[in-house]
Amino acid sequence: MATFALMLRHSRPSPEAILMLLDERREADEIAFELRRHGQDVTVREVGTTTGTAGRREWVPLPVSVPNED
């Protein structure tokens, strides 16, 4: 089963951009529709699981930005 992230659209994919995680795509789309209706620029992205080796499920995380250590 996949997980869907309701995120700010113009942010880099990061944990800070996630507004909500939902199990159902339909629910995520409905909430996103309502938020857009009220002027919020959001998107829905799949961040759930994929089938890995030997049929096991693997977690596919969002890309995380790492600050420069200059």
PDB file of N, CA and C in Angstrom:
ATOM      1  N   MET A   1       0.839  -1.167   0.000  1.00  0.00           N
ATOM      2  CA  MET A   1       0.000   0.000   0.000  1.00  0.00           C
ATOM      3  C   MET A   1       0.892   1.240   0.000  1.00  0.00           C
ATOM      4  N   ALA A   2       0.506   2.222  -0.775  1.00  0.00           N
ATOM      5  CA  ALA A   2       1.281   3.451  -0.885  1.00  0.00           C
ATOM      6  C   ALA A   2       0.807   4.470   0.142  1.00  0.00           C
ATOM      7  N   THR A   3       1.649   5.446   0.373  1.00  0.00           N
ATOM      8  CA  THR A   3       1.307   6.586   1.215  1.00  0.00           C
ATOM      9  C   THR A   3       1.405   7.817   0.329  1.00  0.00           C
ATOM     10  N   PHE A   4       0.511   8.764   0.540  1.00  0.00           N
ATOM     11  CA  PHE A   4       0.477   9.968  -0.274  1.00  0.00           C
ATOM     12  C   PHE A   4       0.717  11.185   0.606  1.00  0.00           C
ATOM     13  N   ALA A   5       1.604  12.049   0.153  1.00  0.00           N
ATOM     14  CA  ALA A   5       1.935  13.268   0.897  1.00  0.00           C
ATOM     15  C   ALA A   5       1.227  14.448   0.262  1.00  0.00           C
ATOM     16  N   LEU A   6       0.526  15.189   1.064  1.00  0.00           N
ATOM     17  CA  LEU A   6      -0.056  16.451   0.654  1.00  0.00           C
ATOM     18  C   LEU A   6       1.006  17.489   0.986  1.00  0.00           C
ATOM     19  N   MET A   7       1.536  18.160  -0.056  1.00  0.00           N
ATOM     20  CA  MET A   7       2.706  19.010   0.121  1.00  0.00           C
ATOM     21  C   MET A   7       2.496  20.390  -0.477  1.00  0.00           C
ATOM     22  N   LEU A   8       3.291  21.345  -0.002  1.00  0.00           N
ATOM     23  CA  LEU A   8       3.340  22.657  -0.626  1.00  0.00           C
ATOM     24  C   LEU A   8       3.955  22.482  -2.012  1.00  0.00           C
ATOM     25  N   ARG A   9       3.336  23.036  -3.020  1.00  0.00           N
ATOM     26  CA  ARG A   9       3.757  22.785  -4.404  1.00  0.00           C
ATOM     27  C   ARG A   9       5.121  23.371  -4.738  1.00  0.00           C
ATOM     28  N   HIS A  10       5.404  24.580  -4.357  1.00  0.00           N
ATOM     29  CA  HIS A  10       6.625  25.236  -4.806  1.00  0.00           C
ATOM     30  C   HIS A  10       7.779  25.108  -3.819  1.00  0.00           C
ATOM     31  N   SER A  11       7.711  24.119  -2.966  1.00  0.00           N
ATOM     32  CA  SER A  11       8.820  23.837  -2.051  1.00  0.00           C
ATOM     33  C   SER A  11       9.623  22.672  -2.598  1.00  0.00           C
ATOM     34  N   ARG A  12      10.883  22.616  -2.224  1.00  0.00           N
ATOM     35  CA  ARG A  12      11.662  21.433  -2.577  1.00  0.00           C
ATOM     36  C   ARG A  12      11.085  20.247  -1.815  1.00  0.00           C
ATOM     37  N   PRO A  13      11.118  19.052  -2.424  1.00  0.00           N
ATOM     38  CA  PRO A  13      10.619  17.879  -1.699  1.00  0.00           C
ATOM     39  C   PRO A  13      11.441  17.648  -0.436  1.00  0.00           C
ATOM     40  N   SER A  14      10.862  17.944   0.693  1.00  0.00           N
ATOM     41  CA  SER A  14      11.533  17.767   1.975  1.00  0.00           C
ATOM     42  C   SER A  14      10.472  17.549   3.043  1.00  0.00           C
ATOM     43  N   PRO A  15      10.863  17.031   4.178  1.00  0.00           N
ATOM     44  CA  PRO A  15       9.883  16.823   5.256  1.00  0.00           C
ATOM     45  C   PRO A  15       9.185  18.104   5.679  1.00  0.00           C
ATOM     46  N   GLU A  16       9.853  19.256   5.544  1.00  0.00           N
ATOM     47  CA  GLU A  16       9.243  20.520   5.944  1.00  0.00           C
ATOM     48  C   GLU A  16       8.089  20.929   5.033  1.00  0.00           C
ATOM     49  N   ALA A  17       8.059  20.423   3.794  1.00  0.00           N
ATOM     50  CA  ALA A  17       7.018  20.777   2.828  1.00  0.00           C
ATOM     51  C   ALA A  17       5.763  19.915   2.982  1.00  0.00           C
ATOM     52  N   ILE A  18       5.842  18.837   3.767  1.00  0.00           N
ATOM     53  CA  ILE A  18       4.706  17.937   3.923  1.00  0.00           C
ATOM     54  C   ILE A  18       3.699  18.536   4.900  1.00  0.00           C
ATOM     55  N   LEU A  19       2.466  18.627   4.438  1.00  0.00           N
ATOM     56  CA  LEU A  19       1.388  19.105   5.296  1.00  0.00           C
ATOM     57  C   LEU A  19       0.680  17.949   5.981  1.00  0.00           C
ATOM     58  N   MET A  20       0.553  16.824   5.262  1.00  0.00           N
ATOM     59  CA  MET A  20      -0.205  15.687   5.782  1.00  0.00           C
ATOM     60  C   MET A  20       0.168  14.432   4.996  1.00  0.00           C
ATOM     61  N   LEU A  21       0.178  13.283   5.664  1.00  0.00           N
ATOM     62  CA  LEU A  21       0.365  11.997   5.011  1.00  0.00           C
ATOM     63  C   LEU A  21      -0.940  11.218   5.098  1.00  0.00           C
ATOM     64  N   LEU A  22      -1.350  10.641   3.971  1.00  0.00           N
ATOM     65  CA  LEU A  22      -2.605   9.895   3.923  1.00  0.00           C
ATOM     66  C   LEU A  22      -2.388   8.559   3.229  1.00  0.00           C
ATOM     67  N   ASP A  23      -3.182   7.570   3.599  1.00  0.00           N
ATOM     68  CA  ASP A  23      -3.090   6.256   2.974  1.00  0.00           C
ATOM     69  C   ASP A  23      -3.873   6.164   1.678  1.00  0.00           C
ATOM     70  N   GLU A  24      -4.898   6.970   1.515  1.00  0.00           N
ATOM     71  CA  GLU A  24      -5.773   6.896   0.349  1.00  0.00           C
ATOM     72  C   GLU A  24      -5.545   8.072  -0.586  1.00  0.00           C
ATOM     73  N   ARG A  25      -5.291   7.781  -1.855  1.00  0.00           N
ATOM     74  CA  ARG A  25      -5.082   8.833  -2.858  1.00  0.00           C
ATOM     75  C   ARG A  25      -6.327   9.709  -2.985  1.00  0.00           C
ATOM     76  N   ARG A  26      -7.492   9.088  -2.954  1.00  0.00           N
ATOM     77  CA  ARG A  26      -8.738   9.833  -3.108  1.00  0.00           C
ATOM     78  C   ARG A  26      -8.901  10.884  -2.007  1.00  0.00           C
ATOM     79  N   GLU A  27      -8.610  10.496  -0.778  1.00  0.00           N
ATOM     80  CA  GLU A  27      -8.693  11.448   0.339  1.00  0.00           C
ATOM     81  C   GLU A  27      -7.702  12.595   0.162  1.00  0.00           C
ATOM     82  N   ALA A  28      -6.482  12.255  -0.242  1.00  0.00           N
ATOM     83  CA  ALA A  28      -5.460  13.279  -0.446  1.00  0.00           C
ATOM     84  C   ALA A  28      -5.888  14.259  -1.535  1.00  0.00           C
ATOM     85  N   ASP A  29      -6.449  13.738  -2.628  1.00  0.00           N
ATOM     86  CA  ASP A  29      -6.908  14.595  -3.713  1.00  0.00           C
ATOM     87  C   ASP A  29      -8.071  15.488  -3.283  1.00  0.00           C
ATOM     88  N   GLU A  30      -8.976  14.952  -2.485  1.00  0.00           N
ATOM     89  CA  GLU A  30     -10.120  15.745  -2.010  1.00  0.00           C
ATOM     90  C   GLU A  30      -9.659  16.894  -1.100  1.00  0.00           C
ATOM     91  N   ILE A  31      -8.741  16.596  -0.202  1.00  0.00           N
ATOM     92  CA  ILE A  31      -8.223  17.637   0.698  1.00  0.00           C
ATOM     93  C   ILE A  31      -7.447  18.673  -0.101  1.00  0.00           C
ATOM     94  N   ALA A  32      -6.633  18.214  -1.065  1.00  0.00           N
ATOM     95  CA  ALA A  32      -5.874  19.135  -1.911  1.00  0.00           C
ATOM     96  C   ALA A  32      -6.826  20.048  -2.697  1.00  0.00           C
ATOM     97  N   PHE A  33      -7.919  19.483  -3.212  1.00  0.00           N
ATOM     98  CA  PHE A  33      -8.899  20.281  -3.947  1.00  0.00           C
ATOM     99  C   PHE A  33      -9.457  21.398  -3.066  1.00  0.00           C
ATOM    100  N   GLU A  34      -9.822  21.055  -1.835  1.00  0.00           N
ATOM    101  CA  GLU A  34     -10.375  22.057  -0.919  1.00  0.00           C
ATOM    102  C   GLU A  34      -9.346  23.126  -0.562  1.00  0.00           C
ATOM    103  N   LEU A  35      -8.110  22.715  -0.331  1.00  0.00           N
ATOM    104  CA  LEU A  35      -7.060  23.692  -0.020  1.00  0.00           C
ATOM    105  C   LEU A  35      -6.811  24.626  -1.197  1.00  0.00           C
ATOM    106  N   ARG A  36      -6.801  24.070  -2.423  1.00  0.00           N
ATOM    107  CA  ARG A  36      -6.611  24.907  -3.611  1.00  0.00           C
ATOM    108  C   ARG A  36      -7.771  25.885  -3.778  1.00  0.00           C
ATOM    109  N   ARG A  37      -8.968  25.434  -3.456  1.00  0.00           N
ATOM    110  CA  ARG A  37     -10.146  26.294  -3.537  1.00  0.00           C
ATOM    111  C   ARG A  37     -10.017  27.504  -2.622  1.00  0.00           C
ATOM    112  N   HIS A  38      -9.275  27.336  -1.548  1.00  0.00           N
ATOM    113  CA  HIS A  38      -9.059  28.415  -0.584  1.00  0.00           C
ATOM    114  C   HIS A  38      -7.721  29.124  -0.792  1.00  0.00           C
ATOM    115  N   GLY A  39      -7.111  28.917  -1.966  1.00  0.00           N
ATOM    116  CA  GLY A  39      -5.927  29.684  -2.336  1.00  0.00           C
ATOM    117  C   GLY A  39      -4.583  29.087  -1.976  1.00  0.00           C
ATOM    118  N   GLN A  40      -4.540  27.875  -1.449  1.00  0.00           N
ATOM    119  CA  GLN A  40      -3.261  27.251  -1.106  1.00  0.00           C
ATOM    120  C   GLN A  40      -2.738  26.451  -2.300  1.00  0.00           C
ATOM    121  N   ASP A  41      -1.483  26.630  -2.642  1.00  0.00           N
ATOM    122  CA  ASP A  41      -0.879  25.923  -3.771  1.00  0.00           C
ATOM    123  C   ASP A  41      -0.242  24.631  -3.257  1.00  0.00           C
ATOM    124  N   VAL A  42      -0.967  23.533  -3.377  1.00  0.00           N
ATOM    125  CA  VAL A  42      -0.511  22.242  -2.854  1.00  0.00           C
ATOM    126  C   VAL A  42      -0.510  21.198  -3.967  1.00  0.00           C
ATOM    127  N   THR A  43       0.183  20.115  -3.716  1.00  0.00           N
ATOM    128  CA  THR A  43       0.220  18.989  -4.633  1.00  0.00           C
ATOM    129  C   THR A  43       0.177  17.699  -3.827  1.00  0.00           C
ATOM    130  N   VAL A  44      -0.145  16.596  -4.495  1.00  0.00           N
ATOM    131  CA  VAL A  44      -0.162  15.277  -3.868  1.00  0.00           C
ATOM    132  C   VAL A  44       0.926  14.447  -4.534  1.00  0.00           C
ATOM    133  N   ARG A  45       1.790  13.861  -3.720  1.00  0.00           N
ATOM    134  CA  ARG A  45       2.870  13.010  -4.236  1.00  0.00           C
ATOM    135  C   ARG A  45       2.832  11.658  -3.540  1.00  0.00           C
ATOM    136  N   GLU A  46       3.096  10.625  -4.317  1.00  0.00           N
ATOM    137  CA  GLU A  46       3.165   9.282  -3.748  1.00  0.00           C
ATOM    138  C   GLU A  46       4.535   9.102  -3.102  1.00  0.00           C
ATOM    139  N   VAL A  47       4.561   8.693  -1.842  1.00  0.00           N
ATOM    140  CA  VAL A  47       5.820   8.495  -1.128  1.00  0.00           C
ATOM    141  C   VAL A  47       5.822   7.152  -0.414  1.00  0.00           C
ATOM    142  N   GLY A  48       4.958   6.262  -0.837  1.00  0.00           N
ATOM    143  CA  GLY A  48       4.741   5.017  -0.122  1.00  0.00           C
ATOM    144  C   GLY A  48       5.786   3.962  -0.324  1.00  0.00           C
ATOM    145  N   THR A  49       5.341   2.787  -0.588  1.00  0.00           N
ATOM    146  CA  THR A  49       6.224   1.635  -0.654  1.00  0.00           C
ATOM    147  C   THR A  49       6.266   1.078  -2.063  1.00  0.00           C
ATOM    148  N   THR A  50       7.337   0.376  -2.356  1.00  0.00           N
ATOM    149  CA  THR A  50       7.454  -0.346  -3.620  1.00  0.00           C
ATOM    150  C   THR A  50       7.861  -1.765  -3.296  1.00  0.00           C
ATOM    151  N   THR A  51       7.680  -2.649  -4.234  1.00  0.00           N
ATOM    152  CA  THR A  51       8.082  -4.032  -4.010  1.00  0.00           C
ATOM    153  C   THR A  51       9.576  -4.152  -4.234  1.00  0.00           C
ATOM    154  N   GLY A  52      10.258  -4.662  -3.253  1.00  0.00           N
ATOM    155  CA  GLY A  52      11.704  -4.821  -3.335  1.00  0.00           C
ATOM    156  C   GLY A  52      12.068  -6.242  -3.723  1.00  0.00           C
ATOM    157  N   THR A  53      13.268  -6.643  -3.385  1.00  0.00           N
ATOM    158  CA  THR A  53      13.729  -7.978  -3.715  1.00  0.00           C
ATOM    159  C   THR A  53      12.915  -9.024  -2.968  1.00  0.00           C
ATOM    160  N   ALA A  54      12.690 -10.119  -3.589  1.00  0.00           N
ATOM    161  CA  ALA A  54      11.960 -11.257  -3.010  1.00  0.00           C
ATOM    162  C   ALA A  54      10.543 -10.879  -2.594  1.00  0.00           C
ATOM    163  N   GLY A  55       9.965  -9.859  -3.259  1.00  0.00           N
ATOM    164  CA  GLY A  55       8.583  -9.495  -2.987  1.00  0.00           C
ATOM    165  C   GLY A  55       8.345  -8.740  -1.699  1.00  0.00           C
ATOM    166  N   ARG A  56       9.408  -8.398  -0.987  1.00  0.00           N
ATOM    167  CA  ARG A  56       9.242  -7.621   0.248  1.00  0.00           C
ATOM    168  C   ARG A  56       8.976  -6.170  -0.083  1.00  0.00           C
ATOM    169  N   ARG A  57       8.300  -5.498   0.811  1.00  0.00           N
ATOM    170  CA  ARG A  57       8.001  -4.082   0.618  1.00  0.00           C
ATOM    171  C   ARG A  57       9.120  -3.249   1.201  1.00  0.00           C
ATOM    172  N   GLU A  58       9.494  -2.204   0.482  1.00  0.00           N
ATOM    173  CA  GLU A  58      10.548  -1.305   0.947  1.00  0.00           C
ATOM    174  C   GLU A  58       9.979   0.096   1.048  1.00  0.00           C
ATOM    175  N   TRP A  59      10.388   0.816   2.053  1.00  0.00           N
ATOM    176  CA  TRP A  59       9.959   2.202   2.219  1.00  0.00           C
ATOM    177  C   TRP A  59      10.756   3.083   1.273  1.00  0.00           C
ATOM    178  N   VAL A  60      10.064   3.970   0.554  1.00  0.00           N
ATOM    179  CA  VAL A  60      10.710   4.910  -0.346  1.00  0.00           C
ATOM    180  C   VAL A  60      10.531   6.298   0.253  1.00  0.00           C
ATOM    181  N   PRO A  61      11.547   6.828   0.920  1.00  0.00           N
ATOM    182  CA  PRO A  61      11.404   8.125   1.591  1.00  0.00           C
ATOM    183  C   PRO A  61      11.467   9.279   0.602  1.00  0.00           C
ATOM    184  N   LEU A  62      11.000  10.423   1.050  1.00  0.00           N
ATOM    185  CA  LEU A  62      11.167  11.649   0.281  1.00  0.00           C
ATOM    186  C   LEU A  62      12.635  12.029   0.284  1.00  0.00           C
ATOM    187  N   PRO A  63      13.098  12.685  -0.778  1.00  0.00           N
ATOM    188  CA  PRO A  63      14.474  13.181  -0.738  1.00  0.00           C
ATOM    189  C   PRO A  63      14.629  14.209   0.380  1.00  0.00           C
ATOM    190  N   VAL A  64      15.706  14.114   1.101  1.00  0.00           N
ATOM    191  CA  VAL A  64      15.944  15.033   2.213  1.00  0.00           C
ATOM    192  C   VAL A  64      17.118  15.927   1.832  1.00  0.00           C
ATOM    193  N   SER A  65      16.921  17.213   2.006  1.00  0.00           N
ATOM    194  CA  SER A  65      18.009  18.130   1.692  1.00  0.00           C
ATOM    195  C   SER A  65      19.010  18.149   2.838  1.00  0.00           C
ATOM    196  N   VAL A  66      20.279  18.177   2.479  1.00  0.00           N
ATOM    197  CA  VAL A  66      21.346  18.208   3.469  1.00  0.00           C
ATOM    198  C   VAL A  66      22.016  19.562   3.365  1.00  0.00           C
ATOM    199  N   PRO A  67      22.107  20.309   4.476  1.00  0.00           N
ATOM    200  CA  PRO A  67      22.741  21.635   4.418  1.00  0.00           C
ATOM    201  C   PRO A  67      24.221  21.530   4.103  1.00  0.00           C
ATOM    202  N   ASN A  68      24.716  22.528   3.398  1.00  0.00           N
ATOM    203  CA  ASN A  68      26.145  22.582   3.087  1.00  0.00           C
ATOM    204  C   ASN A  68      26.917  22.853   4.370  1.00  0.00           C
ATOM    205  N   GLU A  69      28.067  22.200   4.505  1.00  0.00           N
ATOM    206  CA  GLU A  69      28.905  22.390   5.682  1.00  0.00           C
ATOM    207  C   GLU A  69      30.148  23.160   5.313  1.00  0.00           C
ATOM    208  N   ASP A  70      29.985  24.253   4.571  1.00  0.00           N
ATOM    209  CA  ASP A  70      31.147  25.069   4.152  1.00  0.00           C
ATOM    210  C   ASP A  70      31.601  25.978   5.250  1.00  0.00           C
TER     211      ASP A  70
END
